[in-house]
Amino acid sequence: MSKQQSLFGDATKVNKTKYGEFKSNDNYVWKEEPIYEERVAVTSPNEATGHSLNMIIPGIPVKDNDKGDPMAKQSDRNMVQRTKNGDVFTYRNKKTGKLDVIQRHYQPAKITNSKDAYVLMLQNYFRKHKISTPIFSEYVCIEKLHFVFSPLKSFSKKEMNLIENGIVKHKTTKPDLDNIMKFWKDVLQEAGVYTNDSIVFQYKDVMKVYGLEPLIIMKLKGK
């Protein structure tokens, strides 16, 4: 066995790309350079040395969501801005020359209240355990993100027995998974888990399911 083989082992897969031929096994990805006749290791972000964050976050009950089920970010609503006397704020539109009203964009109170509560919970947790934030500033892979909803009253005894025994029961009704993820990406950014959600480069195991109690189960890796 050559020196290079002792470093990387035997290739189990070969991928031909426009950048050349890459070989890989369970531990490494490498490219053979014919000029130097040596193997150069190529690491992807999720394989590089970094940090890992594993958390199970309990649901936080708020008004209009007394069980604390996972929330979803909604489309912004509009409200006409008014003075204390009830008069409408107006401004002169430079393009049309007409008077327009000033509108305020907002999310429903249960959404903002829930987000603020989770952000505060995470920030307090990080302070208590002396975890420096932001935890990730270069890249993040969301390896696991499970949104667990409380069981419905209409569930049969058989369905409840399955849930109690750890059998996954998928949730196929609203809220949409994409909107729940948007909500939590905002929470994680504001809490200081990562600098900006644009550094999230991959999602792996993401789902919404029913369980015995509302939970957010997450596993993040990055740097």
N, C-alpha and C. Protein backbone atom coordinates (compact mmCIF):
# COMPACT_ATOMS: atom_id res chain seq x y z
N MET A 1 0.86 -1.21 0.00
CA MET A 1 0.00 0.00 0.00
C MET A 1 0.88 1.25 0.00
N SER A 2 0.59 2.20 -0.86
CA SER A 2 1.40 3.41 -0.97
C SER A 2 1.14 4.36 0.20
N LYS A 3 1.97 5.40 0.28
CA LYS A 3 1.79 6.41 1.33
C LYS A 3 0.45 7.09 1.19
N GLN A 4 0.05 7.40 -0.07
CA GLN A 4 -1.22 8.08 -0.28
C GLN A 4 -2.39 7.18 0.10
N GLN A 5 -2.30 5.90 -0.21
CA GLN A 5 -3.38 4.98 0.12
C GLN A 5 -3.52 4.83 1.63
N SER A 6 -2.42 4.88 2.35
CA SER A 6 -2.50 4.76 3.80
C SER A 6 -3.20 5.96 4.41
N LEU A 7 -3.16 7.11 3.73
CA LEU A 7 -3.82 8.31 4.23
C LEU A 7 -5.32 8.30 3.94
N PHE A 8 -5.68 7.88 2.74
CA PHE A 8 -7.07 7.99 2.31
C PHE A 8 -7.80 6.66 2.19
N GLY A 9 -7.08 5.55 2.14
CA GLY A 9 -7.72 4.26 1.97
C GLY A 9 -8.07 4.02 0.51
N ASP A 10 -8.83 2.97 0.27
CA ASP A 10 -9.24 2.62 -1.09
C ASP A 10 -10.50 3.37 -1.49
N ALA A 11 -10.57 3.76 -2.75
CA ALA A 11 -11.75 4.46 -3.26
C ALA A 11 -12.90 3.48 -3.45
N THR A 12 -14.10 3.90 -3.03
CA THR A 12 -15.30 3.09 -3.24
C THR A 12 -16.22 3.71 -4.28
N LYS A 13 -15.91 4.94 -4.70
CA LYS A 13 -16.75 5.63 -5.67
C LYS A 13 -15.90 6.59 -6.48
N VAL A 14 -16.24 6.74 -7.76
CA VAL A 14 -15.53 7.67 -8.64
C VAL A 14 -16.55 8.57 -9.33
N ASN A 15 -16.38 9.88 -9.19
CA ASN A 15 -17.27 10.85 -9.83
C ASN A 15 -16.49 11.68 -10.84
N LYS A 16 -17.00 11.72 -12.08
CA LYS A 16 -16.37 12.53 -13.11
C LYS A 16 -17.11 13.85 -13.24
N THR A 17 -16.41 14.95 -13.03
CA THR A 17 -17.01 16.28 -13.11
C THR A 17 -16.21 17.13 -14.09
N LYS A 18 -16.70 18.34 -14.34
CA LYS A 18 -15.97 19.24 -15.24
C LYS A 18 -14.65 19.70 -14.64
N TYR A 19 -14.48 19.46 -13.32
CA TYR A 19 -13.24 19.84 -12.67
C TYR A 19 -12.27 18.67 -12.59
N GLY A 20 -12.67 17.53 -13.15
CA GLY A 20 -11.80 16.37 -13.13
C GLY A 20 -12.47 15.19 -12.45
N GLU A 21 -11.69 14.15 -12.23
CA GLU A 21 -12.20 12.92 -11.64
C GLU A 21 -11.93 12.92 -10.14
N PHE A 22 -12.99 12.75 -9.35
CA PHE A 22 -12.86 12.73 -7.90
C PHE A 22 -13.18 11.33 -7.38
N LYS A 23 -12.34 10.84 -6.49
CA LYS A 23 -12.57 9.56 -5.85
C LYS A 23 -12.97 9.78 -4.40
N SER A 24 -13.71 8.83 -3.85
CA SER A 24 -14.17 9.01 -2.47
C SER A 24 -14.39 7.66 -1.80
N ASN A 25 -14.43 7.72 -0.47
CA ASN A 25 -14.87 6.59 0.35
C ASN A 25 -15.67 7.16 1.50
N ASP A 26 -15.91 6.40 2.54
CA ASP A 26 -16.75 6.88 3.64
C ASP A 26 -16.14 8.05 4.40
N ASN A 27 -14.83 8.24 4.31
CA ASN A 27 -14.16 9.26 5.11
C ASN A 27 -13.59 10.44 4.32
N TYR A 28 -13.22 10.24 3.05
CA TYR A 28 -12.53 11.28 2.31
C TYR A 28 -13.04 11.42 0.89
N VAL A 29 -12.78 12.60 0.34
CA VAL A 29 -12.96 12.85 -1.09
C VAL A 29 -11.64 13.41 -1.59
N TRP A 30 -11.11 12.87 -2.69
CA TRP A 30 -9.83 13.36 -3.16
C TRP A 30 -9.76 13.34 -4.69
N LYS A 31 -8.79 14.11 -5.18
CA LYS A 31 -8.55 14.18 -6.62
C LYS A 31 -7.09 13.80 -6.87
N GLU A 32 -6.88 12.94 -7.81
CA GLU A 32 -5.52 12.54 -8.15
C GLU A 32 -4.95 13.54 -9.15
N GLU A 33 -3.85 14.18 -8.77
CA GLU A 33 -3.21 15.15 -9.64
C GLU A 33 -2.08 14.46 -10.40
N PRO A 34 -2.22 14.25 -11.70
CA PRO A 34 -1.19 13.53 -12.46
C PRO A 34 0.16 14.23 -12.50
N ILE A 35 0.18 15.56 -12.40
CA ILE A 35 1.45 16.29 -12.47
C ILE A 35 2.32 15.93 -11.26
N TYR A 36 1.69 15.90 -10.08
CA TYR A 36 2.45 15.63 -8.86
C TYR A 36 2.32 14.18 -8.41
N GLU A 37 1.37 13.46 -9.03
CA GLU A 37 1.13 12.07 -8.68
C GLU A 37 0.87 11.91 -7.19
N GLU A 38 0.02 12.76 -6.66
CA GLU A 38 -0.34 12.65 -5.26
C GLU A 38 -1.82 12.97 -5.12
N ARG A 39 -2.38 12.62 -3.99
CA ARG A 39 -3.80 12.85 -3.76
C ARG A 39 -3.99 14.07 -2.86
N VAL A 40 -4.90 14.94 -3.27
CA VAL A 40 -5.17 16.16 -2.52
C VAL A 40 -6.55 16.03 -1.89
N ALA A 41 -6.63 16.11 -0.59
CA ALA A 41 -7.91 15.97 0.10
C ALA A 41 -8.81 17.16 -0.20
N VAL A 42 -10.09 16.89 -0.47
CA VAL A 42 -11.08 17.94 -0.69
C VAL A 42 -12.16 17.77 0.37
N THR A 43 -12.27 18.74 1.26
CA THR A 43 -13.27 18.63 2.33
C THR A 43 -14.41 19.57 2.05
N SER A 44 -15.63 19.08 2.24
CA SER A 44 -16.81 19.94 2.14
C SER A 44 -17.07 20.52 3.51
N PRO A 45 -17.85 21.63 3.60
CA PRO A 45 -18.05 22.31 4.89
C PRO A 45 -18.55 21.39 6.01
N ASN A 46 -19.48 20.47 5.69
CA ASN A 46 -20.03 19.64 6.76
C ASN A 46 -19.03 18.58 7.23
N GLU A 47 -17.91 18.40 6.49
CA GLU A 47 -16.89 17.46 6.91
C GLU A 47 -15.76 18.15 7.65
N ALA A 48 -15.69 19.47 7.52
CA ALA A 48 -14.60 20.21 8.15
C ALA A 48 -14.81 20.29 9.66
N THR A 49 -13.71 20.49 10.36
CA THR A 49 -13.80 20.62 11.82
C THR A 49 -14.59 21.88 12.18
N GLY A 50 -15.57 21.74 13.03
CA GLY A 50 -16.40 22.88 13.41
C GLY A 50 -17.13 22.62 14.70
N HIS A 51 -18.28 23.25 14.84
CA HIS A 51 -19.08 23.12 16.06
C HIS A 51 -20.34 22.31 15.79
N SER A 52 -20.91 21.81 16.86
CA SER A 52 -22.16 21.07 16.78
C SER A 52 -23.09 21.59 17.86
N LEU A 53 -24.36 21.74 17.53
CA LEU A 53 -25.36 22.21 18.50
C LEU A 53 -26.55 21.27 18.45
N ASN A 54 -26.78 20.57 19.55
CA ASN A 54 -27.91 19.64 19.67
C ASN A 54 -28.84 20.14 20.77
N MET A 55 -30.11 20.34 20.44
CA MET A 55 -31.05 20.88 21.43
C MET A 55 -32.43 20.26 21.27
N ILE A 56 -33.10 20.10 22.39
CA ILE A 56 -34.52 19.75 22.41
C ILE A 56 -35.22 20.89 23.14
N ILE A 57 -36.01 21.66 22.41
CA ILE A 57 -36.61 22.88 22.95
C ILE A 57 -38.10 22.64 23.20
N PRO A 58 -38.57 22.83 24.42
CA PRO A 58 -40.00 22.62 24.70
C PRO A 58 -40.85 23.73 24.09
N GLY A 59 -42.08 23.40 23.75
CA GLY A 59 -42.99 24.40 23.23
C GLY A 59 -43.34 25.44 24.29
N ILE A 60 -43.47 26.69 23.88
CA ILE A 60 -43.81 27.77 24.81
C ILE A 60 -45.25 28.21 24.55
N PRO A 61 -46.15 28.01 25.51
CA PRO A 61 -47.54 28.46 25.32
C PRO A 61 -47.63 29.98 25.28
N VAL A 62 -48.41 30.49 24.35
CA VAL A 62 -48.70 31.92 24.27
C VAL A 62 -50.19 32.08 24.01
N LYS A 63 -50.67 33.29 24.06
CA LYS A 63 -52.07 33.55 23.78
C LYS A 63 -52.42 33.09 22.36
N ASP A 64 -53.52 32.40 22.23
CA ASP A 64 -54.00 31.82 20.97
C ASP A 64 -53.18 30.61 20.53
N ASN A 65 -52.27 30.16 21.38
CA ASN A 65 -51.53 28.92 21.13
C ASN A 65 -51.15 28.34 22.48
N ASP A 66 -52.18 27.95 23.24
CA ASP A 66 -51.98 27.58 24.64
C ASP A 66 -51.21 26.28 24.83
N LYS A 67 -51.07 25.46 23.77
CA LYS A 67 -50.30 24.23 23.89
C LYS A 67 -48.82 24.44 23.57
N GLY A 68 -48.53 25.53 22.88
CA GLY A 68 -47.14 25.79 22.51
C GLY A 68 -46.69 25.03 21.28
N ASP A 69 -47.63 24.69 20.39
CA ASP A 69 -47.26 23.99 19.16
C ASP A 69 -46.35 24.87 18.30
N PRO A 70 -45.51 24.25 17.45
CA PRO A 70 -44.63 25.05 16.57
C PRO A 70 -45.42 26.06 15.74
N MET A 71 -44.88 27.26 15.64
CA MET A 71 -45.53 28.34 14.91
C MET A 71 -44.93 28.49 13.52
N ALA A 72 -45.68 29.14 12.64
CA ALA A 72 -45.21 29.38 11.28
C ALA A 72 -45.24 30.87 10.98
N LYS A 73 -44.22 31.34 10.26
CA LYS A 73 -44.20 32.72 9.84
C LYS A 73 -45.26 32.93 8.77
N GLN A 74 -45.99 34.03 8.87
CA GLN A 74 -47.06 34.30 7.93
C GLN A 74 -46.69 35.47 7.02
N SER A 75 -47.45 35.63 5.96
CA SER A 75 -47.26 36.79 5.09
C SER A 75 -47.55 38.05 5.89
N ASP A 76 -46.77 39.09 5.64
CA ASP A 76 -46.97 40.35 6.36
C ASP A 76 -48.37 40.90 6.12
N ARG A 77 -48.96 41.40 7.19
CA ARG A 77 -50.25 42.08 7.09
C ARG A 77 -50.01 43.57 7.06
N ASN A 78 -50.97 44.29 6.53
CA ASN A 78 -50.84 45.74 6.40
C ASN A 78 -51.87 46.46 7.28
N MET A 79 -51.43 47.54 7.87
CA MET A 79 -52.32 48.35 8.70
C MET A 79 -52.06 49.82 8.39
N VAL A 80 -53.11 50.58 8.18
CA VAL A 80 -52.96 52.02 7.93
C VAL A 80 -52.47 52.70 9.19
N GLN A 81 -51.42 53.48 9.06
CA GLN A 81 -50.84 54.16 10.21
C GLN A 81 -51.70 55.37 10.58
N ARG A 82 -52.04 55.48 11.86
CA ARG A 82 -52.90 56.57 12.33
C ARG A 82 -52.27 57.29 13.52
N THR A 83 -52.71 58.52 13.74
CA THR A 83 -52.27 59.28 14.91
C THR A 83 -53.07 58.83 16.12
N LYS A 84 -52.73 59.37 17.30
CA LYS A 84 -53.48 59.03 18.51
C LYS A 84 -54.94 59.46 18.40
N ASN A 85 -55.17 60.47 17.60
CA ASN A 85 -56.54 60.96 17.42
C ASN A 85 -57.32 60.16 16.38
N GLY A 86 -56.63 59.23 15.72
CA GLY A 86 -57.30 58.41 14.71
C GLY A 86 -57.16 58.92 13.30
N ASP A 87 -56.44 60.05 13.13
CA ASP A 87 -56.24 60.59 11.78
C ASP A 87 -55.22 59.73 11.02
N VAL A 88 -55.44 59.58 9.72
CA VAL A 88 -54.56 58.77 8.88
C VAL A 88 -53.32 59.56 8.49
N PHE A 89 -52.13 58.92 8.64
CA PHE A 89 -50.89 59.53 8.18
C PHE A 89 -50.86 59.48 6.65
N THR A 90 -50.54 60.60 6.03
CA THR A 90 -50.44 60.64 4.57
C THR A 90 -49.12 61.27 4.14
N TYR A 91 -48.76 61.02 2.90
CA TYR A 91 -47.56 61.64 2.33
C TYR A 91 -47.79 61.87 0.84
N ARG A 92 -47.02 62.78 0.27
CA ARG A 92 -47.16 63.10 -1.14
C ARG A 92 -46.28 62.16 -1.97
N ASN A 93 -46.92 61.35 -2.81
CA ASN A 93 -46.19 60.43 -3.66
C ASN A 93 -45.44 61.22 -4.75
N LYS A 94 -44.12 61.08 -4.78
CA LYS A 94 -43.31 61.86 -5.72
C LYS A 94 -43.59 61.47 -7.17
N LYS A 95 -43.94 60.23 -7.42
CA LYS A 95 -44.17 59.78 -8.79
C LYS A 95 -45.53 60.23 -9.32
N THR A 96 -46.56 60.08 -8.49
CA THR A 96 -47.93 60.39 -8.95
C THR A 96 -48.37 61.79 -8.56
N GLY A 97 -47.73 62.38 -7.54
CA GLY A 97 -48.14 63.68 -7.05
C GLY A 97 -49.38 63.63 -6.18
N LYS A 98 -49.90 62.41 -5.93
CA LYS A 98 -51.11 62.27 -5.12
C LYS A 98 -50.75 61.93 -3.68
N LEU A 99 -51.75 62.12 -2.81
CA LEU A 99 -51.57 61.76 -1.41
C LEU A 99 -51.76 60.26 -1.22
N ASP A 100 -50.83 59.62 -0.54
CA ASP A 100 -50.93 58.20 -0.22
C ASP A 100 -50.92 58.03 1.29
N VAL A 101 -51.50 56.93 1.75
CA VAL A 101 -51.49 56.65 3.19
C VAL A 101 -50.24 55.88 3.54
N ILE A 102 -49.81 55.99 4.78
CA ILE A 102 -48.65 55.25 5.28
C ILE A 102 -49.15 53.95 5.90
N GLN A 103 -48.62 52.85 5.41
CA GLN A 103 -49.04 51.55 5.93
C GLN A 103 -47.91 50.90 6.72
N ARG A 104 -48.30 50.18 7.75
CA ARG A 104 -47.34 49.47 8.59
C ARG A 104 -47.49 47.97 8.35
N HIS A 105 -46.36 47.28 8.12
CA HIS A 105 -46.38 45.84 7.92
C HIS A 105 -46.13 45.15 9.27
N TYR A 106 -46.88 44.10 9.53
CA TYR A 106 -46.73 43.43 10.83
C TYR A 106 -47.12 41.96 10.72
N GLN A 107 -46.68 41.21 11.74
CA GLN A 107 -47.06 39.81 11.91
C GLN A 107 -48.07 39.74 13.06
N PRO A 108 -48.98 38.76 13.06
CA PRO A 108 -49.93 38.61 14.16
C PRO A 108 -49.20 38.53 15.50
N ALA A 109 -49.85 39.00 16.55
CA ALA A 109 -49.22 39.07 17.87
C ALA A 109 -48.75 37.71 18.36
N LYS A 110 -49.52 36.65 18.09
CA LYS A 110 -49.12 35.33 18.59
C LYS A 110 -47.81 34.86 17.93
N ILE A 111 -47.56 35.32 16.70
CA ILE A 111 -46.31 34.96 16.02
C ILE A 111 -45.14 35.71 16.65
N THR A 112 -45.27 37.03 16.78
CA THR A 112 -44.17 37.83 17.34
C THR A 112 -43.92 37.50 18.81
N ASN A 113 -44.99 37.28 19.57
CA ASN A 113 -44.83 36.93 20.99
C ASN A 113 -44.12 35.59 21.15
N SER A 114 -44.49 34.63 20.30
CA SER A 114 -43.87 33.32 20.36
C SER A 114 -42.39 33.40 19.96
N LYS A 115 -42.10 34.15 18.89
CA LYS A 115 -40.70 34.30 18.46
C LYS A 115 -39.86 34.96 19.55
N ASP A 116 -40.36 36.02 20.13
CA ASP A 116 -39.62 36.73 21.18
C ASP A 116 -39.35 35.81 22.38
N ALA A 117 -40.33 34.96 22.71
CA ALA A 117 -40.18 34.05 23.85
C ALA A 117 -39.09 33.01 23.59
N TYR A 118 -39.05 32.46 22.38
CA TYR A 118 -38.02 31.47 22.05
C TYR A 118 -36.64 32.12 21.99
N VAL A 119 -36.56 33.32 21.43
CA VAL A 119 -35.27 34.02 21.36
C VAL A 119 -34.73 34.25 22.76
N LEU A 120 -35.58 34.71 23.66
CA LEU A 120 -35.17 34.97 25.04
C LEU A 120 -34.75 33.68 25.74
N MET A 121 -35.48 32.59 25.50
CA MET A 121 -35.15 31.30 26.10
C MET A 121 -33.76 30.84 25.67
N LEU A 122 -33.48 30.95 24.38
CA LEU A 122 -32.18 30.51 23.87
C LEU A 122 -31.05 31.40 24.36
N GLN A 123 -31.28 32.71 24.37
CA GLN A 123 -30.25 33.64 24.84
C GLN A 123 -29.92 33.38 26.31
N ASN A 124 -30.94 33.15 27.12
CA ASN A 124 -30.71 32.84 28.54
C ASN A 124 -29.94 31.53 28.70
N TYR A 125 -30.26 30.55 27.86
CA TYR A 125 -29.58 29.25 27.92
C TYR A 125 -28.10 29.42 27.58
N PHE A 126 -27.82 30.19 26.53
CA PHE A 126 -26.43 30.39 26.12
C PHE A 126 -25.64 31.14 27.19
N ARG A 127 -26.27 32.13 27.81
CA ARG A 127 -25.59 32.88 28.87
C ARG A 127 -25.31 31.98 30.08
N LYS A 128 -26.30 31.18 30.45
CA LYS A 128 -26.16 30.31 31.62
C LYS A 128 -25.03 29.30 31.43
N HIS A 129 -24.90 28.77 30.22
CA HIS A 129 -23.89 27.76 29.95
C HIS A 129 -22.62 28.35 29.32
N LYS A 130 -22.54 29.69 29.32
CA LYS A 130 -21.35 30.40 28.85
C LYS A 130 -20.97 29.99 27.43
N ILE A 131 -21.98 29.95 26.57
CA ILE A 131 -21.78 29.63 25.16
C ILE A 131 -21.68 30.94 24.39
N SER A 132 -20.55 31.17 23.75
CA SER A 132 -20.34 32.41 23.00
C SER A 132 -21.19 32.42 21.74
N THR A 133 -21.76 33.57 21.44
CA THR A 133 -22.56 33.73 20.23
C THR A 133 -21.96 34.82 19.35
N PRO A 134 -22.12 34.75 18.04
CA PRO A 134 -22.80 33.69 17.31
C PRO A 134 -22.00 32.38 17.32
N ILE A 135 -22.71 31.27 17.40
CA ILE A 135 -22.04 29.97 17.43
C ILE A 135 -21.46 29.64 16.06
N PHE A 136 -22.22 29.99 15.00
CA PHE A 136 -21.77 29.73 13.63
C PHE A 136 -21.69 31.06 12.87
N SER A 137 -20.58 31.27 12.20
CA SER A 137 -20.42 32.51 11.45
C SER A 137 -19.98 32.29 10.00
N GLU A 138 -19.59 31.05 9.66
CA GLU A 138 -19.11 30.76 8.30
C GLU A 138 -20.12 29.93 7.51
N TYR A 139 -20.59 28.83 8.08
CA TYR A 139 -21.56 27.98 7.40
C TYR A 139 -22.29 27.11 8.42
N VAL A 140 -23.48 26.65 8.04
CA VAL A 140 -24.28 25.80 8.91
C VAL A 140 -24.97 24.74 8.07
N CYS A 141 -24.95 23.52 8.57
CA CYS A 141 -25.76 22.44 8.01
C CYS A 141 -26.81 22.06 9.05
N ILE A 142 -28.08 22.15 8.68
CA ILE A 142 -29.16 21.73 9.58
C ILE A 142 -29.36 20.24 9.37
N GLU A 143 -28.72 19.45 10.22
CA GLU A 143 -28.76 18.00 10.05
C GLU A 143 -30.09 17.41 10.51
N LYS A 144 -30.70 18.04 11.49
CA LYS A 144 -31.98 17.53 11.99
C LYS A 144 -32.81 18.69 12.52
N LEU A 145 -34.08 18.72 12.10
CA LEU A 145 -34.99 19.74 12.59
C LEU A 145 -36.39 19.15 12.56
N HIS A 146 -36.84 18.68 13.71
CA HIS A 146 -38.15 18.04 13.83
C HIS A 146 -39.09 18.96 14.61
N PHE A 147 -40.22 19.28 14.01
CA PHE A 147 -41.24 20.09 14.66
C PHE A 147 -42.33 19.14 15.17
N VAL A 148 -42.41 19.01 16.48
CA VAL A 148 -43.33 18.05 17.09
C VAL A 148 -44.57 18.78 17.60
N PHE A 149 -45.74 18.36 17.12
CA PHE A 149 -47.01 18.95 17.52
C PHE A 149 -47.72 18.06 18.54
N SER A 150 -48.51 18.68 19.39
CA SER A 150 -49.28 17.93 20.38
C SER A 150 -50.34 17.09 19.68
N PRO A 151 -50.72 15.94 20.25
CA PRO A 151 -51.70 15.06 19.60
C PRO A 151 -53.08 15.70 19.53
N LEU A 152 -53.83 15.34 18.52
CA LEU A 152 -55.19 15.85 18.36
C LEU A 152 -56.17 15.09 19.26
N LYS A 153 -57.21 15.76 19.68
CA LYS A 153 -58.23 15.11 20.50
C LYS A 153 -58.94 14.00 19.73
N SER A 154 -58.94 14.12 18.41
CA SER A 154 -59.63 13.13 17.58
C SER A 154 -58.82 11.85 17.37
N PHE A 155 -57.58 11.79 17.87
CA PHE A 155 -56.77 10.59 17.68
C PHE A 155 -57.39 9.41 18.43
N SER A 156 -57.37 8.27 17.80
CA SER A 156 -57.91 7.06 18.42
C SER A 156 -56.91 6.53 19.45
N LYS A 157 -57.36 5.59 20.25
CA LYS A 157 -56.48 4.97 21.25
C LYS A 157 -55.32 4.26 20.57
N LYS A 158 -55.60 3.66 19.42
CA LYS A 158 -54.56 2.97 18.67
C LYS A 158 -53.49 3.95 18.20
N GLU A 159 -53.93 5.11 17.68
CA GLU A 159 -52.97 6.12 17.22
C GLU A 159 -52.13 6.63 18.38
N MET A 160 -52.75 6.85 19.53
CA MET A 160 -52.02 7.33 20.69
C MET A 160 -51.01 6.29 21.18
N ASN A 161 -51.39 5.02 21.12
CA ASN A 161 -50.46 3.96 21.52
C ASN A 161 -49.23 3.93 20.63
N LEU A 162 -49.44 4.16 19.33
CA LEU A 162 -48.32 4.18 18.40
C LEU A 162 -47.38 5.34 18.72
N ILE A 163 -47.96 6.52 18.99
CA ILE A 163 -47.14 7.69 19.32
C ILE A 163 -46.37 7.45 20.62
N GLU A 164 -47.05 6.86 21.62
CA GLU A 164 -46.41 6.60 22.91
C GLU A 164 -45.25 5.61 22.77
N ASN A 165 -45.33 4.75 21.76
CA ASN A 165 -44.28 3.76 21.54
C ASN A 165 -43.21 4.25 20.56
N GLY A 166 -43.26 5.55 20.25
CA GLY A 166 -42.23 6.14 19.42
C GLY A 166 -42.40 5.99 17.93
N ILE A 167 -43.59 5.56 17.48
CA ILE A 167 -43.85 5.44 16.06
C ILE A 167 -44.18 6.83 15.50
N VAL A 168 -43.48 7.23 14.44
CA VAL A 168 -43.66 8.56 13.87
C VAL A 168 -45.00 8.67 13.15
N LYS A 169 -45.76 9.69 13.51
CA LYS A 169 -47.01 10.00 12.81
C LYS A 169 -46.84 11.37 12.18
N HIS A 170 -46.75 11.40 10.88
CA HIS A 170 -46.48 12.65 10.18
C HIS A 170 -47.69 13.58 10.22
N LYS A 171 -47.39 14.87 10.29
CA LYS A 171 -48.43 15.89 10.25
C LYS A 171 -48.53 16.41 8.82
N THR A 172 -49.67 16.23 8.19
CA THR A 172 -49.84 16.61 6.78
C THR A 172 -50.87 17.73 6.62
N THR A 173 -51.09 18.48 7.67
CA THR A 173 -52.01 19.62 7.61
C THR A 173 -51.23 20.89 7.94
N LYS A 174 -51.89 22.03 7.81
CA LYS A 174 -51.24 23.31 8.11
C LYS A 174 -50.79 23.35 9.56
N PRO A 175 -49.74 24.12 9.87
CA PRO A 175 -49.05 25.08 8.99
C PRO A 175 -48.05 24.40 8.07
N ASP A 176 -47.72 25.11 6.97
CA ASP A 176 -46.77 24.58 6.00
C ASP A 176 -45.38 24.46 6.61
N LEU A 177 -44.68 23.41 6.23
CA LEU A 177 -43.33 23.17 6.75
C LEU A 177 -42.38 24.32 6.41
N ASP A 178 -42.48 24.84 5.19
CA ASP A 178 -41.60 25.94 4.78
C ASP A 178 -41.76 27.16 5.68
N ASN A 179 -43.01 27.46 6.04
CA ASN A 179 -43.26 28.65 6.87
C ASN A 179 -42.82 28.42 8.32
N ILE A 180 -42.90 27.19 8.79
CA ILE A 180 -42.38 26.89 10.14
C ILE A 180 -40.87 27.08 10.15
N MET A 181 -40.22 26.62 9.08
CA MET A 181 -38.77 26.78 8.98
C MET A 181 -38.38 28.25 8.93
N LYS A 182 -39.15 29.07 8.21
CA LYS A 182 -38.86 30.51 8.15
C LYS A 182 -38.93 31.12 9.55
N PHE A 183 -39.93 30.71 10.31
CA PHE A 183 -40.08 31.20 11.69
C PHE A 183 -38.84 30.86 12.50
N TRP A 184 -38.39 29.60 12.41
CA TRP A 184 -37.27 29.17 13.24
C TRP A 184 -35.93 29.68 12.75
N LYS A 185 -35.80 29.93 11.46
CA LYS A 185 -34.57 30.54 10.96
C LYS A 185 -34.42 31.94 11.53
N ASP A 186 -35.55 32.66 11.66
CA ASP A 186 -35.53 33.99 12.27
C ASP A 186 -35.15 33.89 13.75
N VAL A 187 -35.73 32.90 14.44
CA VAL A 187 -35.44 32.72 15.87
C VAL A 187 -33.96 32.44 16.08
N LEU A 188 -33.42 31.52 15.30
CA LEU A 188 -32.01 31.13 15.47
C LEU A 188 -31.06 32.28 15.16
N GLN A 189 -31.43 33.09 14.18
CA GLN A 189 -30.58 34.24 13.85
C GLN A 189 -30.62 35.28 14.96
N GLU A 190 -31.81 35.62 15.43
CA GLU A 190 -31.94 36.64 16.47
C GLU A 190 -31.35 36.18 17.80
N ALA A 191 -31.39 34.87 18.06
CA ALA A 191 -30.85 34.36 19.32
C ALA A 191 -29.33 34.25 19.29
N GLY A 192 -28.73 34.40 18.10
CA GLY A 192 -27.28 34.36 18.00
C GLY A 192 -26.71 33.00 17.69
N VAL A 193 -27.56 32.07 17.20
CA VAL A 193 -27.05 30.76 16.81
C VAL A 193 -26.15 30.90 15.60
N TYR A 194 -26.57 31.72 14.62
CA TYR A 194 -25.71 32.03 13.49
C TYR A 194 -25.88 33.49 13.11
N THR A 195 -24.92 33.99 12.35
CA THR A 195 -24.90 35.42 12.02
C THR A 195 -26.02 35.81 11.06
N ASN A 196 -26.28 34.94 10.07
CA ASN A 196 -27.31 35.23 9.07
C ASN A 196 -27.78 33.91 8.48
N ASP A 197 -29.09 33.80 8.19
CA ASP A 197 -29.58 32.51 7.70
C ASP A 197 -29.09 32.19 6.29
N SER A 198 -28.40 33.14 5.65
CA SER A 198 -27.84 32.87 4.33
C SER A 198 -26.68 31.88 4.40
N ILE A 199 -26.08 31.69 5.59
CA ILE A 199 -24.96 30.75 5.70
C ILE A 199 -25.44 29.31 5.87
N VAL A 200 -26.74 29.10 5.95
CA VAL A 200 -27.28 27.74 5.98
C VAL A 200 -27.17 27.17 4.56
N PHE A 201 -26.35 26.15 4.39
CA PHE A 201 -26.09 25.63 3.04
C PHE A 201 -26.77 24.30 2.76
N GLN A 202 -27.33 23.65 3.80
CA GLN A 202 -27.92 22.33 3.57
C GLN A 202 -28.95 21.99 4.64
N TYR A 203 -30.02 21.34 4.20
CA TYR A 203 -31.01 20.75 5.10
C TYR A 203 -31.01 19.25 4.88
N LYS A 204 -31.07 18.49 5.94
CA LYS A 204 -31.08 17.04 5.80
C LYS A 204 -32.40 16.44 6.29
N ASP A 205 -32.52 16.28 7.59
CA ASP A 205 -33.68 15.61 8.17
C ASP A 205 -34.62 16.65 8.77
N VAL A 206 -35.60 17.10 7.97
CA VAL A 206 -36.54 18.13 8.41
C VAL A 206 -37.96 17.59 8.25
N MET A 207 -38.77 17.65 9.30
CA MET A 207 -40.14 17.14 9.21
C MET A 207 -41.02 17.72 10.30
N LYS A 208 -42.33 17.59 10.11
CA LYS A 208 -43.30 17.95 11.15
C LYS A 208 -44.09 16.69 11.47
N VAL A 209 -44.20 16.40 12.77
CA VAL A 209 -44.82 15.16 13.22
C VAL A 209 -45.66 15.44 14.47
N TYR A 210 -46.43 14.44 14.87
CA TYR A 210 -47.17 14.50 16.13
C TYR A 210 -46.39 13.75 17.20
N GLY A 211 -46.49 14.25 18.43
CA GLY A 211 -45.85 13.59 19.56
C GLY A 211 -46.69 13.75 20.79
N LEU A 212 -46.13 13.40 21.93
CA LEU A 212 -46.88 13.51 23.19
C LEU A 212 -46.96 14.95 23.67
N GLU A 213 -45.97 15.76 23.28
CA GLU A 213 -45.96 17.17 23.68
C GLU A 213 -45.20 17.98 22.63
N PRO A 214 -45.48 19.27 22.53
CA PRO A 214 -44.79 20.11 21.54
C PRO A 214 -43.30 20.23 21.84
N LEU A 215 -42.49 20.00 20.82
CA LEU A 215 -41.04 20.09 20.96
C LEU A 215 -40.43 20.56 19.65
N ILE A 216 -39.25 21.12 19.75
CA ILE A 216 -38.42 21.40 18.59
C ILE A 216 -37.13 20.63 18.82
N ILE A 217 -36.85 19.67 17.95
CA ILE A 217 -35.63 18.84 18.08
C ILE A 217 -34.68 19.25 16.96
N MET A 218 -33.50 19.70 17.32
CA MET A 218 -32.58 20.18 16.29
C MET A 218 -31.15 19.73 16.51
N LYS A 219 -30.46 19.58 15.39
CA LYS A 219 -29.04 19.27 15.39
C LYS A 219 -28.40 20.07 14.27
N LEU A 220 -27.49 20.95 14.64
CA LEU A 220 -26.81 21.81 13.67
C LEU A 220 -25.32 21.56 13.73
N LYS A 221 -24.67 21.59 12.57
CA LYS A 221 -23.21 21.48 12.50
C LYS A 221 -22.69 22.57 11.60
N GLY A 222 -21.56 23.13 11.97
CA GLY A 222 -21.01 24.19 11.14
C GLY A 222 -19.78 24.79 11.78
N LYS A 223 -19.50 26.02 11.38
CA LYS A 223 -18.28 26.68 11.86
C LYS A 223 -18.49 28.19 11.91
